[in-house]
Amino acid sequence: MMCACANGDGNVDANDLKLLNDNQSTSKPSGKSICDIGPMPWGDGVVDKKDIEVFMEYWKYEYATGGLE
């Protein structure tokens, strides 16, 4: 399962959202950015609104259930 935790601290939170926002409209030549999480399962090579949508689903789930574990 892919996780929306972009900074590696194990929490899906505002720090990850900031990292996604800071990387909007960026792409990596290899197509593998830690912020490129949407569309599922592997991303599409660019950080955009699709990645924010995937992130928000994880964030809603984490806060609704008390964690991703």
N, C-alpha and C. Protein backbone atom coordinates (compact mmCIF):
# COMPACT_ATOMS: atom_id res chain seq x y z
N MET A 1 0.84 -1.19 0.00
CA MET A 1 0.00 0.00 0.00
C MET A 1 0.87 1.24 0.00
N MET A 2 0.57 2.17 -0.85
CA MET A 2 1.31 3.42 -0.90
C MET A 2 0.80 4.32 0.22
N CYS A 3 1.70 5.05 0.82
CA CYS A 3 1.33 5.94 1.92
C CYS A 3 1.48 7.38 1.48
N ALA A 4 0.64 8.24 2.01
CA ALA A 4 0.68 9.65 1.69
C ALA A 4 1.63 10.42 2.60
N CYS A 5 2.36 9.73 3.44
CA CYS A 5 3.33 10.40 4.30
C CYS A 5 4.56 10.72 3.46
N ALA A 6 4.67 11.97 3.03
CA ALA A 6 5.73 12.36 2.11
C ALA A 6 7.06 12.62 2.79
N ASN A 7 7.04 12.98 4.08
CA ASN A 7 8.31 13.33 4.72
C ASN A 7 8.90 12.19 5.56
N GLY A 8 8.23 11.05 5.60
CA GLY A 8 8.80 9.87 6.24
C GLY A 8 8.68 9.79 7.75
N ASP A 9 7.88 10.66 8.37
CA ASP A 9 7.76 10.61 9.84
C ASP A 9 6.67 9.67 10.32
N GLY A 10 5.95 9.04 9.39
CA GLY A 10 4.92 8.07 9.75
C GLY A 10 3.55 8.66 9.99
N ASN A 11 3.40 9.96 9.88
CA ASN A 11 2.11 10.62 10.07
C ASN A 11 1.69 11.31 8.78
N VAL A 12 0.41 11.24 8.46
CA VAL A 12 -0.14 11.99 7.34
C VAL A 12 -0.70 13.26 7.94
N ASP A 13 0.00 14.39 7.71
CA ASP A 13 -0.37 15.62 8.41
C ASP A 13 -0.05 16.85 7.57
N ALA A 14 -0.16 18.02 8.20
CA ALA A 14 0.05 19.29 7.52
C ALA A 14 1.47 19.42 6.96
N ASN A 15 2.45 18.79 7.59
CA ASN A 15 3.82 18.84 7.07
C ASN A 15 3.90 18.18 5.70
N ASP A 16 3.19 17.06 5.53
CA ASP A 16 3.16 16.38 4.23
C ASP A 16 2.41 17.22 3.20
N LEU A 17 1.33 17.85 3.62
CA LEU A 17 0.56 18.71 2.71
C LEU A 17 1.42 19.87 2.23
N LYS A 18 2.21 20.44 3.13
CA LYS A 18 3.12 21.53 2.75
C LYS A 18 4.13 21.04 1.72
N LEU A 19 4.68 19.86 1.93
CA LEU A 19 5.64 19.29 0.99
C LEU A 19 5.00 19.08 -0.38
N LEU A 20 3.77 18.59 -0.40
CA LEU A 20 3.05 18.43 -1.67
C LEU A 20 2.83 19.78 -2.35
N ASN A 21 2.39 20.76 -1.57
CA ASN A 21 2.16 22.10 -2.14
C ASN A 21 3.45 22.71 -2.66
N ASP A 22 4.55 22.54 -1.93
CA ASP A 22 5.84 23.08 -2.37
C ASP A 22 6.34 22.45 -3.66
N ASN A 23 5.85 21.25 -3.96
CA ASN A 23 6.30 20.52 -5.15
C ASN A 23 5.28 20.50 -6.28
N GLN A 24 4.22 21.30 -6.16
CA GLN A 24 3.20 21.34 -7.21
C GLN A 24 3.82 21.68 -8.56
N SER A 25 3.34 21.01 -9.59
CA SER A 25 3.75 21.21 -10.98
C SER A 25 5.20 20.82 -11.24
N THR A 26 5.80 20.04 -10.35
CA THR A 26 7.15 19.56 -10.60
C THR A 26 7.08 18.12 -11.09
N SER A 27 8.12 17.73 -11.77
CA SER A 27 8.22 16.35 -12.21
C SER A 27 9.67 15.92 -12.14
N LYS A 28 9.88 14.65 -12.07
CA LYS A 28 11.23 14.07 -12.05
C LYS A 28 11.43 13.35 -13.37
N PRO A 29 12.64 13.43 -13.93
CA PRO A 29 12.89 12.72 -15.18
C PRO A 29 12.56 11.23 -15.09
N SER A 30 12.82 10.63 -13.94
CA SER A 30 12.53 9.21 -13.76
C SER A 30 11.05 8.96 -13.50
N GLY A 31 10.29 10.04 -13.23
CA GLY A 31 8.88 9.89 -12.90
C GLY A 31 8.64 9.41 -11.49
N LYS A 32 9.68 9.42 -10.64
CA LYS A 32 9.54 8.89 -9.29
C LYS A 32 9.83 9.97 -8.25
N SER A 33 8.83 10.75 -7.93
CA SER A 33 8.92 11.77 -6.89
C SER A 33 8.16 11.25 -5.68
N ILE A 34 8.66 11.51 -4.47
CA ILE A 34 7.95 11.05 -3.28
C ILE A 34 6.59 11.72 -3.15
N CYS A 35 6.42 12.84 -3.84
CA CYS A 35 5.14 13.55 -3.79
C CYS A 35 4.18 13.12 -4.89
N ASP A 36 4.63 12.33 -5.84
CA ASP A 36 3.79 11.88 -6.95
C ASP A 36 3.10 10.59 -6.54
N ILE A 37 1.95 10.72 -5.88
CA ILE A 37 1.24 9.56 -5.34
C ILE A 37 -0.09 9.30 -6.04
N GLY A 38 -0.48 10.13 -7.00
CA GLY A 38 -1.74 9.94 -7.68
C GLY A 38 -1.60 10.17 -9.17
N PRO A 39 -2.38 9.57 -10.01
CA PRO A 39 -3.38 8.58 -9.62
C PRO A 39 -2.72 7.28 -9.18
N MET A 40 -3.46 6.54 -8.36
CA MET A 40 -2.97 5.28 -7.83
C MET A 40 -2.81 4.27 -8.96
N PRO A 41 -1.92 3.33 -8.92
CA PRO A 41 -1.06 3.05 -7.77
C PRO A 41 0.32 3.70 -7.85
N TRP A 42 0.75 4.22 -8.99
CA TRP A 42 2.16 4.64 -9.10
C TRP A 42 2.34 6.11 -9.41
N GLY A 43 1.31 6.90 -9.49
CA GLY A 43 1.48 8.30 -9.88
C GLY A 43 1.54 8.43 -11.40
N ASP A 44 1.69 9.69 -11.84
CA ASP A 44 1.70 9.94 -13.29
C ASP A 44 2.90 10.76 -13.74
N GLY A 45 3.90 10.93 -12.88
CA GLY A 45 5.12 11.63 -13.27
C GLY A 45 5.14 13.11 -12.96
N VAL A 46 4.02 13.65 -12.47
CA VAL A 46 3.97 15.07 -12.13
C VAL A 46 3.20 15.24 -10.82
N VAL A 47 3.59 16.21 -10.02
CA VAL A 47 2.89 16.50 -8.77
C VAL A 47 1.81 17.53 -9.08
N ASP A 48 0.55 17.14 -8.88
CA ASP A 48 -0.56 17.99 -9.25
C ASP A 48 -1.77 17.71 -8.36
N LYS A 49 -2.94 18.17 -8.79
CA LYS A 49 -4.14 18.04 -7.96
C LYS A 49 -4.51 16.58 -7.70
N LYS A 50 -4.13 15.68 -8.59
CA LYS A 50 -4.42 14.26 -8.38
C LYS A 50 -3.69 13.74 -7.13
N ASP A 51 -2.50 14.26 -6.89
CA ASP A 51 -1.73 13.86 -5.72
C ASP A 51 -2.36 14.42 -4.44
N ILE A 52 -2.86 15.64 -4.51
CA ILE A 52 -3.55 16.24 -3.36
C ILE A 52 -4.81 15.43 -3.04
N GLU A 53 -5.54 14.99 -4.06
CA GLU A 53 -6.75 14.19 -3.84
C GLU A 53 -6.43 12.89 -3.13
N VAL A 54 -5.37 12.19 -3.55
CA VAL A 54 -4.97 10.95 -2.88
C VAL A 54 -4.55 11.25 -1.45
N PHE A 55 -3.76 12.30 -1.26
CA PHE A 55 -3.31 12.69 0.08
C PHE A 55 -4.50 12.93 1.01
N MET A 56 -5.50 13.66 0.53
CA MET A 56 -6.66 13.99 1.37
C MET A 56 -7.42 12.75 1.78
N GLU A 57 -7.49 11.73 0.91
CA GLU A 57 -8.15 10.48 1.29
C GLU A 57 -7.42 9.81 2.45
N TYR A 58 -6.10 9.77 2.39
CA TYR A 58 -5.32 9.20 3.49
C TYR A 58 -5.48 10.03 4.76
N TRP A 59 -5.46 11.36 4.62
CA TRP A 59 -5.57 12.24 5.78
C TRP A 59 -6.93 12.03 6.46
N LYS A 60 -8.00 12.00 5.67
CA LYS A 60 -9.33 11.77 6.23
C LYS A 60 -9.40 10.43 6.94
N TYR A 61 -8.81 9.39 6.33
CA TYR A 61 -8.83 8.07 6.95
C TYR A 61 -8.05 8.06 8.25
N GLU A 62 -6.86 8.65 8.25
CA GLU A 62 -6.04 8.64 9.46
C GLU A 62 -6.75 9.34 10.61
N TYR A 63 -7.37 10.49 10.35
CA TYR A 63 -8.03 11.21 11.43
C TYR A 63 -9.35 10.56 11.84
N ALA A 64 -10.00 9.87 10.93
CA ALA A 64 -11.26 9.20 11.27
C ALA A 64 -11.01 7.95 12.11
N THR A 65 -9.89 7.27 11.89
CA THR A 65 -9.64 6.00 12.56
C THR A 65 -8.57 6.08 13.64
N GLY A 66 -7.88 7.21 13.71
CA GLY A 66 -6.82 7.34 14.72
C GLY A 66 -5.48 6.81 14.26
N GLY A 67 -5.33 6.52 12.98
CA GLY A 67 -4.04 6.07 12.47
C GLY A 67 -4.17 5.19 11.26
N LEU A 68 -3.06 4.99 10.57
CA LEU A 68 -3.05 4.16 9.37
C LEU A 68 -2.73 2.71 9.68
N GLU A 69 -2.35 2.40 10.89
CA GLU A 69 -1.92 1.03 11.23
C GLU A 69 -3.10 0.12 11.48
